[in-house]
Amino acid sequence: MIDTMIGEPGKNGMQILLAHNPKYGNAYFDWGADMILCGHYHGGVVRLSEHHGLSCPQYLVLPPFCCGDFHRGEQHMFVSAGMGEHTIPLRIHNPRELLVIDVKPSQKKK
């Protein structure tokens, strides 16, 4: 589905996918991005653990890919809890965050 919207990922360099909603995280991984950057869930309003929050703006309970870093092989998805709130101005065990990601070239041996 993503390929019909944005095409196939390139074969050279690093493929970075900026996707607002992490709900479709598995589709993003399947598309082939090396790094995926998401937000939207605001860390789940009430953060239960590093990767789990209670709810999200679509009012899903325990939404997938709620917050934190997720990996599939060499692929990485980072989901920020962001700086604000959605609907209810409440954040419990869910500090505001702004991600800073250093991207460095790989040290592959020749």
C-alpha atoms as a PDB file:
ATOM      1  CA  MET A   1       0.000   0.000   0.000  1.00  0.00           C
ATOM      2  CA  ILE A   2       2.756   2.485   0.855  1.00  0.00           C
ATOM      3  CA  ASP A   3       4.542   1.734  -2.450  1.00  0.00           C
ATOM      4  CA  THR A   4       1.476   2.883  -4.391  1.00  0.00           C
ATOM      5  CA  MET A   5       1.496   6.174  -2.478  1.00  0.00           C
ATOM      6  CA  ILE A   6       5.205   7.028  -2.349  1.00  0.00           C
ATOM      7  CA  GLY A   7       6.930   4.412  -4.509  1.00  0.00           C
ATOM      8  CA  GLU A   8       9.603   1.886  -3.706  1.00  0.00           C
ATOM      9  CA  PRO A   9      12.447   2.770  -1.333  1.00  0.00           C
ATOM     10  CA  GLY A  10      15.735   3.649  -3.001  1.00  0.00           C
ATOM     11  CA  LYS A  11      18.547   1.128  -3.167  1.00  0.00           C
ATOM     12  CA  ASN A  12      21.362   3.577  -2.345  1.00  0.00           C
ATOM     13  CA  GLY A  13      21.931   5.511   0.847  1.00  0.00           C
ATOM     14  CA  MET A  14      19.760   5.584   3.924  1.00  0.00           C
ATOM     15  CA  GLN A  15      15.978   5.545   3.540  1.00  0.00           C
ATOM     16  CA  ILE A  16      14.252   7.714   6.166  1.00  0.00           C
ATOM     17  CA  LEU A  17      10.463   7.627   6.411  1.00  0.00           C
ATOM     18  CA  LEU A  18       8.734  10.440   8.302  1.00  0.00           C
ATOM     19  CA  ALA A  19       5.282   9.113   9.162  1.00  0.00           C
ATOM     20  CA  HIS A  20       3.098  10.954  11.634  1.00  0.00           C
ATOM     21  CA  ASN A  21       1.048   8.009  12.950  1.00  0.00           C
ATOM     22  CA  PRO A  22       2.905   4.957  14.335  1.00  0.00           C
ATOM     23  CA  LYS A  23      -0.262   2.819  14.116  1.00  0.00           C
ATOM     24  CA  TYR A  24       1.004   1.418  10.802  1.00  0.00           C
ATOM     25  CA  GLY A  25       4.502   0.617  12.081  1.00  0.00           C
ATOM     26  CA  ASN A  26       4.548  -2.890  10.609  1.00  0.00           C
ATOM     27  CA  ALA A  27       3.699  -1.499   7.158  1.00  0.00           C
ATOM     28  CA  TYR A  28       6.513   1.044   7.496  1.00  0.00           C
ATOM     29  CA  PHE A  29       8.980  -1.715   8.373  1.00  0.00           C
ATOM     30  CA  ASP A  30       7.685  -3.845   5.485  1.00  0.00           C
ATOM     31  CA  TRP A  31       8.146  -0.912   3.082  1.00  0.00           C
ATOM     32  CA  GLY A  32      11.861  -1.066   3.811  1.00  0.00           C
ATOM     33  CA  ALA A  33      12.786   2.200   5.522  1.00  0.00           C
ATOM     34  CA  ASP A  34      16.082   2.154   7.407  1.00  0.00           C
ATOM     35  CA  MET A  35      14.802   4.720   9.894  1.00  0.00           C
ATOM     36  CA  ILE A  36      11.191   5.637  10.649  1.00  0.00           C
ATOM     37  CA  LEU A  37      10.260   8.732  12.670  1.00  0.00           C
ATOM     38  CA  CYS A  38       6.783   9.005  14.215  1.00  0.00           C
ATOM     39  CA  GLY A  39       4.810  10.778  16.924  1.00  0.00           C
ATOM     40  CA  HIS A  40       1.039  11.354  17.167  1.00  0.00           C
ATOM     41  CA  TYR A  41       0.318   9.145  20.205  1.00  0.00           C
ATOM     42  CA  HIS A  42       1.825  11.648  22.672  1.00  0.00           C
ATOM     43  CA  GLY A  43       3.392   8.751  24.578  1.00  0.00           C
ATOM     44  CA  GLY A  44       0.019   7.237  25.405  1.00  0.00           C
ATOM     45  CA  VAL A  45      -1.121  10.034  27.790  1.00  0.00           C
ATOM     46  CA  VAL A  46      -0.412   7.680  30.708  1.00  0.00           C
ATOM     47  CA  ARG A  47       2.920   5.927  30.092  1.00  0.00           C
ATOM     48  CA  LEU A  48       2.942   2.373  31.422  1.00  0.00           C
ATOM     49  CA  SER A  49       6.467   1.386  30.357  1.00  0.00           C
ATOM     50  CA  GLU A  50       9.174   2.288  27.868  1.00  0.00           C
ATOM     51  CA  HIS A  51       7.063   1.156  24.874  1.00  0.00           C
ATOM     52  CA  HIS A  52       3.507   1.122  26.213  1.00  0.00           C
ATOM     53  CA  GLY A  53       0.950   3.830  26.866  1.00  0.00           C
ATOM     54  CA  LEU A  54      -2.657   3.665  27.924  1.00  0.00           C
ATOM     55  CA  SER A  55      -4.371   5.460  25.033  1.00  0.00           C
ATOM     56  CA  CYS A  56      -3.863   7.632  21.951  1.00  0.00           C
ATOM     57  CA  PRO A  57      -5.712  10.352  19.998  1.00  0.00           C
ATOM     58  CA  GLN A  58      -7.870   7.673  18.284  1.00  0.00           C
ATOM     59  CA  TYR A  59      -8.848   6.415  21.761  1.00  0.00           C
ATOM     60  CA  LEU A  60      -7.280   3.004  21.193  1.00  0.00           C
ATOM     61  CA  VAL A  61      -6.453   1.189  24.419  1.00  0.00           C
ATOM     62  CA  LEU A  62      -2.781   0.074  24.590  1.00  0.00           C
ATOM     63  CA  PRO A  63      -1.991   1.223  21.032  1.00  0.00           C
ATOM     64  CA  PRO A  64       0.872  -0.524  19.202  1.00  0.00           C
ATOM     65  CA  PHE A  65       4.196   1.308  18.818  1.00  0.00           C
ATOM     66  CA  CYS A  66       3.078   3.867  21.395  1.00  0.00           C
ATOM     67  CA  CYS A  67       6.423   5.368  22.357  1.00  0.00           C
ATOM     68  CA  GLY A  68      10.128   4.629  22.336  1.00  0.00           C
ATOM     69  CA  ASP A  69      12.401   2.815  19.924  1.00  0.00           C
ATOM     70  CA  PHE A  70      11.498  -0.295  17.960  1.00  0.00           C
ATOM     71  CA  HIS A  71      13.799  -2.409  15.824  1.00  0.00           C
ATOM     72  CA  ARG A  72      13.475  -5.045  13.135  1.00  0.00           C
ATOM     73  CA  GLY A  73      16.876  -6.287  12.061  1.00  0.00           C
ATOM     74  CA  GLU A  74      18.815  -3.218  10.915  1.00  0.00           C
ATOM     75  CA  GLN A  75      15.663  -1.074  10.704  1.00  0.00           C
ATOM     76  CA  HIS A  76      14.793   1.413  13.448  1.00  0.00           C
ATOM     77  CA  MET A  77      11.559   3.201  14.315  1.00  0.00           C
ATOM     78  CA  PHE A  78      11.603   6.049  16.824  1.00  0.00           C
ATOM     79  CA  VAL A  79       8.273   7.212  18.249  1.00  0.00           C
ATOM     80  CA  SER A  80       8.437  10.472  20.172  1.00  0.00           C
ATOM     81  CA  ALA A  81       6.094  11.336  23.025  1.00  0.00           C
ATOM     82  CA  GLY A  82       6.336  14.915  21.804  1.00  0.00           C
ATOM     83  CA  MET A  83       5.950  18.187  23.619  1.00  0.00           C
ATOM     84  CA  GLY A  84       2.197  18.664  23.922  1.00  0.00           C
ATOM     85  CA  GLU A  85      -1.058  16.944  24.728  1.00  0.00           C
ATOM     86  CA  HIS A  86      -4.096  15.849  22.776  1.00  0.00           C
ATOM     87  CA  THR A  87      -7.648  16.639  23.889  1.00  0.00           C
ATOM     88  CA  ILE A  88      -7.012  16.190  27.632  1.00  0.00           C
ATOM     89  CA  PRO A  89      -4.089  18.261  28.979  1.00  0.00           C
ATOM     90  CA  LEU A  90      -2.694  15.369  30.997  1.00  0.00           C
ATOM     91  CA  ARG A  91       0.601  13.427  31.000  1.00  0.00           C
ATOM     92  CA  ILE A  92       1.273  10.819  33.696  1.00  0.00           C
ATOM     93  CA  HIS A  93       4.717   9.133  33.867  1.00  0.00           C
ATOM     94  CA  ASN A  94       5.075  10.553  30.380  1.00  0.00           C
ATOM     95  CA  PRO A  95       7.641  13.339  30.219  1.00  0.00           C
ATOM     96  CA  ARG A  96       7.694  15.687  27.250  1.00  0.00           C
ATOM     97  CA  GLU A  97      10.462  14.884  24.811  1.00  0.00           C
ATOM     98  CA  LEU A  98      12.160  16.149  21.716  1.00  0.00           C
ATOM     99  CA  LEU A  99      14.208  13.477  19.959  1.00  0.00           C
ATOM    100  CA  VAL A 100      17.700  14.271  18.779  1.00  0.00           C
ATOM    101  CA  ILE A 101      19.107  11.533  16.568  1.00  0.00           C
ATOM    102  CA  ASP A 102      22.718  11.481  15.429  1.00  0.00           C
ATOM    103  CA  VAL A 103      23.045   9.709  12.091  1.00  0.00           C
ATOM    104  CA  LYS A 104      26.556   8.501  11.411  1.00  0.00           C
ATOM    105  CA  PRO A 105      27.965   6.515   8.488  1.00  0.00           C
ATOM    106  CA  SER A 106      28.382   2.803   9.109  1.00  0.00           C
ATOM    107  CA  GLN A 107      31.821   1.437   9.770  1.00  0.00           C
ATOM    108  CA  LYS A 108      31.529  -1.501   7.370  1.00  0.00           C
ATOM    109  CA  LYS A 109      34.764  -3.354   6.758  1.00  0.00           C
ATOM    110  CA  LYS A 110      35.889  -3.580   3.164  1.00  0.00           C
END
